[in-house]
């Protein structure tokens, strides 16, 4: 399972249902993690980021005892909403929260 750290503010906004997406920088680090986790090395470039589904654990902190929840998400690339932490005019890896399974 893919585990991603998340700041406290966003963690509780997602749990409350107020925030429906999480954003990750569009950089080599996250590209590699998402491609490896989703098995995208076997895809052609044009099919690569077409709303792939994943189960992701969001953890508020790095310790094993930090609060966390598991969510079913789709992952794609695009702009985010400013009120949810995105910068205007910038593309991100967008994780759309479809369902919270435990938390």
N, C-alpha and C. Protein backbone atom coordinates (compact mmCIF):
# COMPACT_ATOMS: atom_id res chain seq x y z
N UNK A 1 0.84 -1.18 0.00
CA UNK A 1 0.00 0.00 0.00
C UNK A 1 0.88 1.24 0.00
N UNK A 2 0.49 2.22 -0.75
CA UNK A 2 1.21 3.47 -0.83
C UNK A 2 0.86 4.33 0.38
N UNK A 3 1.86 4.79 1.12
CA UNK A 3 1.65 5.64 2.28
C UNK A 3 2.22 7.02 2.00
N UNK A 4 1.40 8.06 2.22
CA UNK A 4 1.82 9.43 1.97
C UNK A 4 1.63 10.27 3.23
N UNK A 5 2.64 11.05 3.61
CA UNK A 5 2.46 11.97 4.74
C UNK A 5 1.58 13.14 4.31
N UNK A 6 0.85 13.69 5.28
CA UNK A 6 -0.04 14.81 4.98
C UNK A 6 -0.11 15.73 6.19
N UNK A 7 -0.20 17.02 5.94
CA UNK A 7 -0.26 18.00 7.03
C UNK A 7 -1.59 17.89 7.77
N UNK A 8 -1.55 18.24 9.06
CA UNK A 8 -2.69 18.09 9.95
C UNK A 8 -3.96 18.76 9.41
N UNK A 9 -3.81 19.99 8.92
CA UNK A 9 -4.97 20.75 8.40
C UNK A 9 -5.68 19.97 7.30
N UNK A 10 -4.91 19.48 6.32
CA UNK A 10 -5.50 18.77 5.20
C UNK A 10 -6.02 17.40 5.62
N UNK A 11 -5.31 16.75 6.54
CA UNK A 11 -5.71 15.44 7.05
C UNK A 11 -7.14 15.49 7.60
N UNK A 12 -7.41 16.46 8.48
CA UNK A 12 -8.73 16.54 9.11
C UNK A 12 -9.79 17.10 8.17
N UNK A 13 -9.40 17.92 7.20
CA UNK A 13 -10.37 18.39 6.20
C UNK A 13 -10.85 17.24 5.31
N UNK A 14 -9.94 16.33 4.98
CA UNK A 14 -10.33 15.16 4.18
C UNK A 14 -11.22 14.24 5.00
N UNK A 15 -10.83 13.98 6.24
CA UNK A 15 -11.65 13.10 7.10
C UNK A 15 -13.06 13.64 7.32
N UNK A 16 -13.19 14.96 7.42
CA UNK A 16 -14.51 15.57 7.64
C UNK A 16 -15.34 15.59 6.36
N UNK A 17 -14.72 15.34 5.21
CA UNK A 17 -15.43 15.38 3.94
C UNK A 17 -15.39 16.73 3.26
N UNK A 18 -14.75 17.71 3.90
CA UNK A 18 -14.67 19.06 3.34
C UNK A 18 -13.74 19.14 2.14
N UNK A 19 -12.63 18.41 2.20
CA UNK A 19 -11.63 18.42 1.12
C UNK A 19 -11.72 17.09 0.38
N UNK A 20 -11.87 17.15 -0.93
CA UNK A 20 -12.08 15.94 -1.73
C UNK A 20 -10.88 15.51 -2.55
N UNK A 21 -9.80 16.30 -2.52
CA UNK A 21 -8.60 15.98 -3.28
C UNK A 21 -7.36 16.30 -2.47
N UNK A 22 -6.29 15.57 -2.76
CA UNK A 22 -4.98 15.91 -2.21
C UNK A 22 -4.04 16.11 -3.39
N UNK A 23 -3.08 17.00 -3.23
CA UNK A 23 -2.18 17.34 -4.33
C UNK A 23 -0.75 17.01 -3.95
N UNK A 24 -0.03 16.48 -4.93
CA UNK A 24 1.40 16.20 -4.77
C UNK A 24 2.14 16.89 -5.90
N UNK A 25 3.31 17.42 -5.58
CA UNK A 25 4.13 18.11 -6.58
C UNK A 25 4.35 17.21 -7.79
N UNK A 26 4.31 17.79 -8.95
CA UNK A 26 4.58 17.04 -10.18
C UNK A 26 6.09 17.05 -10.39
N UNK A 27 6.75 16.09 -9.73
CA UNK A 27 8.21 15.99 -9.81
C UNK A 27 8.62 14.52 -9.99
N UNK A 28 9.90 14.30 -10.16
CA UNK A 28 10.41 12.95 -10.40
C UNK A 28 10.13 12.00 -9.23
N UNK A 29 10.22 12.52 -8.01
CA UNK A 29 10.00 11.67 -6.83
C UNK A 29 8.60 11.05 -6.85
N UNK A 30 7.57 11.89 -6.96
CA UNK A 30 6.20 11.36 -6.95
C UNK A 30 5.87 10.60 -8.23
N UNK A 31 6.42 11.04 -9.35
CA UNK A 31 6.19 10.30 -10.60
C UNK A 31 6.68 8.87 -10.45
N UNK A 32 7.86 8.70 -9.90
CA UNK A 32 8.40 7.36 -9.69
C UNK A 32 7.58 6.53 -8.72
N UNK A 33 7.15 7.14 -7.63
CA UNK A 33 6.33 6.41 -6.65
C UNK A 33 5.01 5.97 -7.23
N UNK A 34 4.31 6.89 -7.91
CA UNK A 34 3.01 6.54 -8.47
C UNK A 34 3.15 5.53 -9.61
N UNK A 35 4.15 5.70 -10.45
CA UNK A 35 4.34 4.75 -11.55
C UNK A 35 4.65 3.36 -11.02
N UNK A 36 5.50 3.26 -10.01
CA UNK A 36 5.85 1.97 -9.45
C UNK A 36 4.63 1.34 -8.76
N UNK A 37 3.94 2.11 -7.95
CA UNK A 37 2.79 1.58 -7.20
C UNK A 37 1.66 1.15 -8.13
N UNK A 38 1.40 1.93 -9.18
CA UNK A 38 0.29 1.65 -10.08
C UNK A 38 0.66 0.75 -11.26
N UNK A 39 1.92 0.36 -11.35
CA UNK A 39 2.35 -0.50 -12.45
C UNK A 39 2.35 0.20 -13.79
N UNK A 40 2.61 1.49 -13.80
CA UNK A 40 2.54 2.27 -15.03
C UNK A 40 3.75 2.07 -15.94
N UNK A 41 4.75 1.34 -15.50
CA UNK A 41 5.89 1.08 -16.38
C UNK A 41 5.48 0.22 -17.56
N UNK A 42 4.37 -0.47 -17.45
CA UNK A 42 3.89 -1.33 -18.53
C UNK A 42 2.94 -0.62 -19.47
N UNK A 43 2.64 0.67 -19.24
CA UNK A 43 1.69 1.44 -20.05
C UNK A 43 2.41 2.29 -21.09
N UNK A 44 1.68 2.58 -22.15
CA UNK A 44 2.20 3.54 -23.13
C UNK A 44 2.01 4.95 -22.56
N UNK A 45 2.81 5.92 -22.96
CA UNK A 45 2.72 7.27 -22.40
C UNK A 45 1.34 7.89 -22.52
N UNK A 46 0.59 7.64 -23.59
CA UNK A 46 -0.73 8.25 -23.74
C UNK A 46 -1.78 7.66 -22.81
N UNK A 47 -1.59 6.41 -22.33
CA UNK A 47 -2.55 5.83 -21.39
C UNK A 47 -2.14 6.04 -19.95
N UNK A 48 -0.96 6.56 -19.72
CA UNK A 48 -0.36 6.52 -18.39
C UNK A 48 -1.23 7.11 -17.27
N UNK A 49 -1.73 8.32 -17.40
CA UNK A 49 -2.42 8.97 -16.28
C UNK A 49 -3.90 9.17 -16.55
N UNK A 50 -4.59 8.13 -16.94
CA UNK A 50 -6.03 8.24 -17.19
C UNK A 50 -6.80 7.76 -15.97
N UNK A 51 -6.85 8.58 -14.95
CA UNK A 51 -7.63 8.31 -13.73
C UNK A 51 -7.43 6.90 -13.19
N UNK A 52 -6.21 6.60 -12.79
CA UNK A 52 -5.89 5.31 -12.20
C UNK A 52 -6.40 5.26 -10.76
N UNK A 53 -6.97 4.13 -10.36
CA UNK A 53 -7.46 3.95 -8.99
C UNK A 53 -6.38 3.35 -8.11
N UNK A 54 -6.37 3.79 -6.85
CA UNK A 54 -5.39 3.28 -5.90
C UNK A 54 -5.95 3.35 -4.49
N UNK A 55 -5.45 2.48 -3.62
CA UNK A 55 -5.73 2.57 -2.19
C UNK A 55 -4.50 3.20 -1.56
N UNK A 56 -4.71 4.31 -0.86
CA UNK A 56 -3.61 5.09 -0.31
C UNK A 56 -3.83 5.29 1.18
N UNK A 57 -2.75 5.14 1.96
CA UNK A 57 -2.80 5.47 3.38
C UNK A 57 -2.22 6.86 3.55
N UNK A 58 -3.02 7.76 4.10
CA UNK A 58 -2.57 9.11 4.43
C UNK A 58 -2.22 9.13 5.90
N UNK A 59 -1.03 9.59 6.23
CA UNK A 59 -0.56 9.59 7.61
C UNK A 59 -0.15 11.00 8.01
N UNK A 60 -0.69 11.47 9.14
CA UNK A 60 -0.34 12.78 9.68
C UNK A 60 0.89 12.64 10.56
N UNK A 61 2.06 12.60 9.92
CA UNK A 61 3.32 12.40 10.61
C UNK A 61 4.05 11.21 10.02
N UNK A 62 5.20 10.93 10.57
CA UNK A 62 6.03 9.86 10.02
C UNK A 62 6.11 8.63 10.92
N UNK A 63 5.71 8.76 12.18
CA UNK A 63 5.78 7.63 13.11
C UNK A 63 4.69 6.61 12.80
N UNK A 64 4.95 5.36 13.09
CA UNK A 64 3.97 4.30 12.87
C UNK A 64 2.70 4.53 13.69
N UNK A 65 2.82 5.27 14.79
CA UNK A 65 1.67 5.53 15.66
C UNK A 65 0.93 6.83 15.30
N UNK A 66 1.39 7.53 14.28
CA UNK A 66 0.72 8.78 13.86
C UNK A 66 -0.68 8.47 13.35
N UNK A 67 -1.62 9.41 13.51
CA UNK A 67 -2.98 9.17 12.99
C UNK A 67 -2.95 8.95 11.48
N UNK A 68 -3.78 8.04 11.02
CA UNK A 68 -3.81 7.76 9.59
C UNK A 68 -5.20 7.28 9.18
N UNK A 69 -5.44 7.29 7.88
CA UNK A 69 -6.64 6.69 7.32
C UNK A 69 -6.30 6.14 5.94
N UNK A 70 -7.12 5.22 5.48
CA UNK A 70 -6.95 4.62 4.17
C UNK A 70 -8.09 5.09 3.29
N UNK A 71 -7.76 5.45 2.05
CA UNK A 71 -8.78 5.95 1.13
C UNK A 71 -8.60 5.34 -0.26
N UNK A 72 -9.72 5.16 -0.95
CA UNK A 72 -9.69 4.78 -2.35
C UNK A 72 -9.65 6.09 -3.12
N UNK A 73 -8.68 6.21 -4.03
CA UNK A 73 -8.47 7.45 -4.76
C UNK A 73 -8.30 7.15 -6.25
N UNK A 74 -8.59 8.16 -7.07
CA UNK A 74 -8.13 8.13 -8.45
C UNK A 74 -6.95 9.09 -8.51
N UNK A 75 -6.00 8.78 -9.38
CA UNK A 75 -4.81 9.61 -9.52
C UNK A 75 -4.72 10.06 -10.97
N UNK A 76 -4.62 11.36 -11.16
CA UNK A 76 -4.41 11.90 -12.49
C UNK A 76 -3.56 13.17 -12.36
N UNK A 77 -3.40 13.89 -13.46
CA UNK A 77 -2.60 15.11 -13.46
C UNK A 77 -3.48 16.26 -13.90
N UNK A 78 -3.37 17.38 -13.17
CA UNK A 78 -4.13 18.56 -13.54
C UNK A 78 -4.01 19.63 -12.48
N UNK A 79 -4.72 20.76 -12.67
CA UNK A 79 -4.67 21.85 -11.70
C UNK A 79 -5.48 21.51 -10.45
N UNK A 80 -5.15 22.17 -9.36
CA UNK A 80 -5.87 21.97 -8.11
C UNK A 80 -6.63 23.21 -7.70
N UNK A 81 -7.35 23.11 -6.61
CA UNK A 81 -8.12 24.23 -6.08
C UNK A 81 -7.30 24.97 -5.03
N UNK A 82 -7.29 26.29 -5.12
CA UNK A 82 -6.50 27.11 -4.20
C UNK A 82 -6.92 26.90 -2.75
N UNK A 83 -8.22 26.78 -2.50
CA UNK A 83 -8.70 26.61 -1.12
C UNK A 83 -8.29 25.27 -0.52
N UNK A 84 -7.79 24.38 -1.35
CA UNK A 84 -7.30 23.09 -0.87
C UNK A 84 -5.79 22.99 -0.96
N UNK A 85 -5.11 24.13 -1.12
CA UNK A 85 -3.66 24.16 -1.03
C UNK A 85 -2.90 24.23 -2.33
N UNK A 86 -3.58 24.30 -3.47
CA UNK A 86 -2.89 24.34 -4.77
C UNK A 86 -2.53 25.78 -5.14
N UNK A 87 -1.46 25.91 -5.90
CA UNK A 87 -1.07 27.21 -6.44
C UNK A 87 -1.76 27.40 -7.79
N UNK A 88 -2.24 28.62 -8.09
CA UNK A 88 -2.92 28.83 -9.37
C UNK A 88 -1.97 28.64 -10.55
N UNK A 89 -2.51 28.05 -11.62
CA UNK A 89 -1.74 27.86 -12.85
C UNK A 89 -0.71 26.75 -12.80
N UNK A 90 -0.78 25.89 -11.80
CA UNK A 90 0.21 24.82 -11.64
C UNK A 90 -0.49 23.47 -11.69
N UNK A 91 0.11 22.50 -12.39
CA UNK A 91 -0.43 21.15 -12.42
C UNK A 91 0.19 20.30 -11.31
N UNK A 92 -0.60 19.37 -10.81
CA UNK A 92 -0.20 18.48 -9.72
C UNK A 92 -0.60 17.05 -10.06
N UNK A 93 -0.07 16.11 -9.30
CA UNK A 93 -0.67 14.79 -9.24
C UNK A 93 -1.86 14.97 -8.31
N UNK A 94 -3.06 14.74 -8.84
CA UNK A 94 -4.28 14.92 -8.05
C UNK A 94 -4.79 13.57 -7.59
N UNK A 95 -4.99 13.45 -6.30
CA UNK A 95 -5.56 12.24 -5.72
C UNK A 95 -6.98 12.60 -5.30
N UNK A 96 -7.96 12.16 -6.07
CA UNK A 96 -9.34 12.44 -5.74
C UNK A 96 -9.83 11.37 -4.79
N UNK A 97 -10.31 11.80 -3.62
CA UNK A 97 -10.77 10.88 -2.58
C UNK A 97 -12.17 10.39 -2.94
N UNK A 98 -12.31 9.09 -3.23
CA UNK A 98 -13.60 8.52 -3.57
C UNK A 98 -14.29 7.93 -2.35
N UNK A 99 -13.50 7.33 -1.46
CA UNK A 99 -14.06 6.63 -0.30
C UNK A 99 -12.99 6.51 0.78
N UNK A 100 -13.39 6.79 2.01
CA UNK A 100 -12.49 6.58 3.15
C UNK A 100 -12.86 5.23 3.76
N UNK A 101 -11.89 4.35 3.83
CA UNK A 101 -12.15 2.98 4.30
C UNK A 101 -11.94 2.82 5.78
N UNK A 102 -10.91 3.43 6.31
CA UNK A 102 -10.64 3.34 7.75
C UNK A 102 -9.91 4.60 8.19
N UNK A 103 -10.18 5.02 9.40
CA UNK A 103 -9.51 6.23 9.88
C UNK A 103 -10.13 6.76 11.13
